[in-house]
Amino acid sequence: MKIKEKYYRFAEKGQQIQRVNRFFVTEYLIFYAFILFMLWASRAKGVRSLGFAAFVSVIAVVSGGALLIGWKRRPESERLRYLALIGLYLVSFFMTFAYTESFIRFLGLAPFIGCILFFDPKYSRIGGIGYLVLNALTVFGQIRQQPEGVAGTTNL
């Protein structure tokens, strides 16, 4: 038995990928719903502007919609997870820049729970390294925005 075949022991490969994709899409939709709730709650409190909340909301809705449409059209597609990374990176980029709380950075890792079900180390590496680079860029960007001579003001 080949190594790749042993992962599909309990179901046909296509069926198992469909189940994982259903979980994956649900997971991302919950993630986007939480992001939208957080954005509009911040807007209601006056912390974020209407333009920012609307902009990130459009990205989240378009990303979630594209993911849902892709899943409905081809539920057994293995490329669906790479499509999801684009939306995750875009939403996470703007959220980590706008909110300096550390839990926002960790919130973006929640959709990677599906990596365990994919048995795909290549996807896990690409997604994880990309998310690490994204967070490093936003942290360095936030540090550069600090006023000169202000030490210890970043909320890392």
Protein backbone atom coordinates (compact mmCIF):
# COMPACT_ATOMS: atom_id res chain seq x y z
CA MET A 1 0.00 0.00 0.00
CA LYS A 2 1.34 3.40 -0.94
CA ILE A 3 1.76 6.06 1.72
CA LYS A 4 -0.84 8.37 0.11
CA GLU A 5 -3.41 5.55 -0.07
CA LYS A 6 -3.28 4.74 3.63
CA TYR A 7 -4.78 8.15 4.45
CA TYR A 8 -7.97 7.19 2.59
CA ARG A 9 -8.58 3.91 4.41
CA PHE A 10 -12.13 4.53 5.58
CA ALA A 11 -13.63 6.12 2.49
CA GLU A 12 -12.97 6.61 -1.15
CA LYS A 13 -10.54 9.47 -1.79
CA GLY A 14 -13.16 11.66 -3.48
CA GLN A 15 -15.67 11.18 -0.67
CA GLN A 16 -13.14 11.98 1.99
CA ILE A 17 -12.01 15.14 0.19
CA GLN A 18 -15.66 16.23 -0.11
CA ARG A 19 -16.15 15.80 3.63
CA VAL A 20 -12.98 17.67 4.44
CA ASN A 21 -13.89 20.47 2.03
CA ARG A 22 -17.32 20.80 3.65
CA PHE A 23 -15.66 21.17 7.06
CA PHE A 24 -13.08 23.56 5.59
CA VAL A 25 -15.69 25.86 4.00
CA THR A 26 -17.75 25.85 7.20
CA GLU A 27 -14.66 26.70 9.21
CA TYR A 28 -13.79 29.63 6.97
CA LEU A 29 -17.36 30.96 6.95
CA ILE A 30 -17.37 30.93 10.77
CA PHE A 31 -14.01 32.73 10.73
CA TYR A 32 -15.32 35.41 8.35
CA ALA A 33 -18.53 35.80 10.39
CA PHE A 34 -16.45 36.40 13.52
CA ILE A 35 -14.30 38.94 11.67
CA LEU A 36 -17.41 40.75 10.42
CA PHE A 37 -18.89 40.81 13.93
CA MET A 38 -15.68 42.18 15.38
CA LEU A 39 -15.36 44.83 12.65
CA TRP A 40 -18.87 46.14 13.02
CA ALA A 41 -18.73 46.04 16.82
CA SER A 42 -15.57 48.18 16.59
CA ARG A 43 -17.35 50.48 14.18
CA ALA A 44 -20.31 50.80 16.56
CA LYS A 45 -17.93 51.72 19.40
CA GLY A 46 -16.25 54.31 17.18
CA VAL A 47 -12.86 52.57 17.14
CA ARG A 48 -12.83 51.89 13.38
CA SER A 49 -14.01 54.06 10.51
CA LEU A 50 -16.92 53.18 8.28
CA GLY A 51 -14.61 52.97 5.25
CA PHE A 52 -12.27 50.47 6.89
CA ALA A 53 -15.12 48.31 8.19
CA ALA A 54 -16.81 48.32 4.78
CA PHE A 55 -13.56 47.60 2.91
CA VAL A 56 -12.58 44.58 5.03
CA SER A 57 -16.21 43.41 5.06
CA VAL A 58 -16.27 43.38 1.27
CA ILE A 59 -13.04 41.36 1.19
CA ALA A 60 -14.44 38.88 3.74
CA VAL A 61 -17.80 38.52 1.97
CA VAL A 62 -16.20 38.14 -1.48
CA SER A 63 -13.67 35.61 -0.13
CA GLY A 64 -16.36 33.63 1.68
CA GLY A 65 -18.64 33.79 -1.35
CA ALA A 66 -15.90 32.64 -3.73
CA LEU A 67 -15.09 29.77 -1.40
CA LEU A 68 -18.75 28.76 -1.14
CA ILE A 69 -19.28 28.95 -4.91
CA GLY A 70 -16.09 26.98 -5.57
CA TRP A 71 -17.19 24.31 -3.12
CA LYS A 72 -20.70 24.06 -4.62
CA ARG A 73 -19.33 23.74 -8.15
CA ARG A 74 -16.58 21.24 -7.39
CA PRO A 75 -16.90 19.73 -3.90
CA GLU A 76 -14.01 17.33 -4.50
CA SER A 77 -11.56 20.02 -5.66
CA GLU A 78 -8.20 19.96 -3.92
CA ARG A 79 -7.49 23.51 -5.12
CA LEU A 80 -10.19 24.94 -2.88
CA ARG A 81 -7.79 25.24 0.03
CA TYR A 82 -5.39 27.39 -2.00
CA LEU A 83 -8.24 29.68 -3.02
CA ALA A 84 -9.08 30.06 0.67
CA LEU A 85 -5.52 31.15 1.48
CA ILE A 86 -5.88 34.26 -0.67
CA GLY A 87 -8.86 35.49 1.31
CA LEU A 88 -7.26 34.55 4.62
CA TYR A 89 -4.08 36.46 3.81
CA LEU A 90 -5.96 39.58 2.67
CA VAL A 91 -8.32 39.71 5.64
CA SER A 92 -5.57 38.87 8.13
CA PHE A 93 -3.25 41.51 6.69
CA PHE A 94 -5.72 44.33 7.23
CA MET A 95 -6.94 43.01 10.57
CA THR A 96 -3.45 42.62 12.05
CA PHE A 97 -2.50 46.10 10.90
CA ALA A 98 -5.64 47.71 12.28
CA TYR A 99 -5.83 45.81 15.55
CA THR A 100 -2.64 45.46 17.57
CA GLU A 101 -4.08 42.89 19.98
CA SER A 102 -2.22 39.60 19.80
CA PHE A 103 -5.36 37.47 19.65
CA ILE A 104 -6.03 38.79 16.13
CA ARG A 105 -2.82 37.17 14.94
CA PHE A 106 -3.79 33.87 16.52
CA LEU A 107 -7.36 34.11 15.25
CA GLY A 108 -6.03 33.86 11.70
CA LEU A 109 -4.55 30.48 12.56
CA ALA A 110 -7.97 28.99 13.30
CA PRO A 111 -8.71 28.07 9.66
CA PHE A 112 -5.49 26.03 9.60
CA ILE A 113 -7.19 23.39 11.77
CA GLY A 114 -8.37 21.95 8.47
CA CYS A 115 -4.73 21.23 7.56
CA ILE A 116 -4.83 18.27 9.92
CA LEU A 117 -7.68 16.75 7.93
CA PHE A 118 -6.07 17.33 4.54
CA PHE A 119 -3.00 15.18 5.13
CA ASP A 120 -1.23 17.65 2.88
CA PRO A 121 2.17 18.74 4.22
CA LYS A 122 2.81 20.94 1.16
CA TYR A 123 -0.34 22.99 1.84
CA SER A 124 0.51 23.19 5.54
CA ARG A 125 3.99 24.50 4.75
CA ILE A 126 2.80 27.03 2.17
CA GLY A 127 -0.01 28.28 4.37
CA GLY A 128 2.02 28.38 7.57
CA ILE A 129 5.08 30.06 6.09
CA GLY A 130 2.90 32.58 4.25
CA TYR A 131 1.04 33.42 7.45
CA LEU A 132 4.32 33.74 9.35
CA VAL A 133 5.70 36.16 6.73
CA LEU A 134 2.44 38.14 6.77
CA ASN A 135 2.61 38.54 10.55
CA ALA A 136 6.29 39.47 10.48
CA LEU A 137 5.59 42.17 7.90
CA THR A 138 2.74 43.65 9.91
CA VAL A 139 4.76 43.63 13.15
CA PHE A 140 7.68 45.39 11.44
CA GLY A 141 5.24 47.84 9.87
CA GLN A 142 3.70 48.62 13.25
CA ILE A 143 7.12 49.12 14.81
CA ARG A 144 8.08 51.55 12.04
CA GLN A 145 4.92 53.57 12.70
CA GLN A 146 5.90 54.21 16.32
CA PRO A 147 7.06 57.75 17.10
CA GLU A 148 10.81 58.29 17.44
CA GLY A 149 12.13 57.59 20.93
CA VAL A 150 9.04 55.77 22.17
CA ALA A 151 10.18 52.43 23.53
CA GLY A 152 7.97 49.55 24.58
CA THR A 153 4.77 50.91 23.06
CA THR A 154 4.09 48.07 20.66
CA ASN A 155 1.62 45.52 21.87
CA LEU A 156 3.40 42.38 20.73
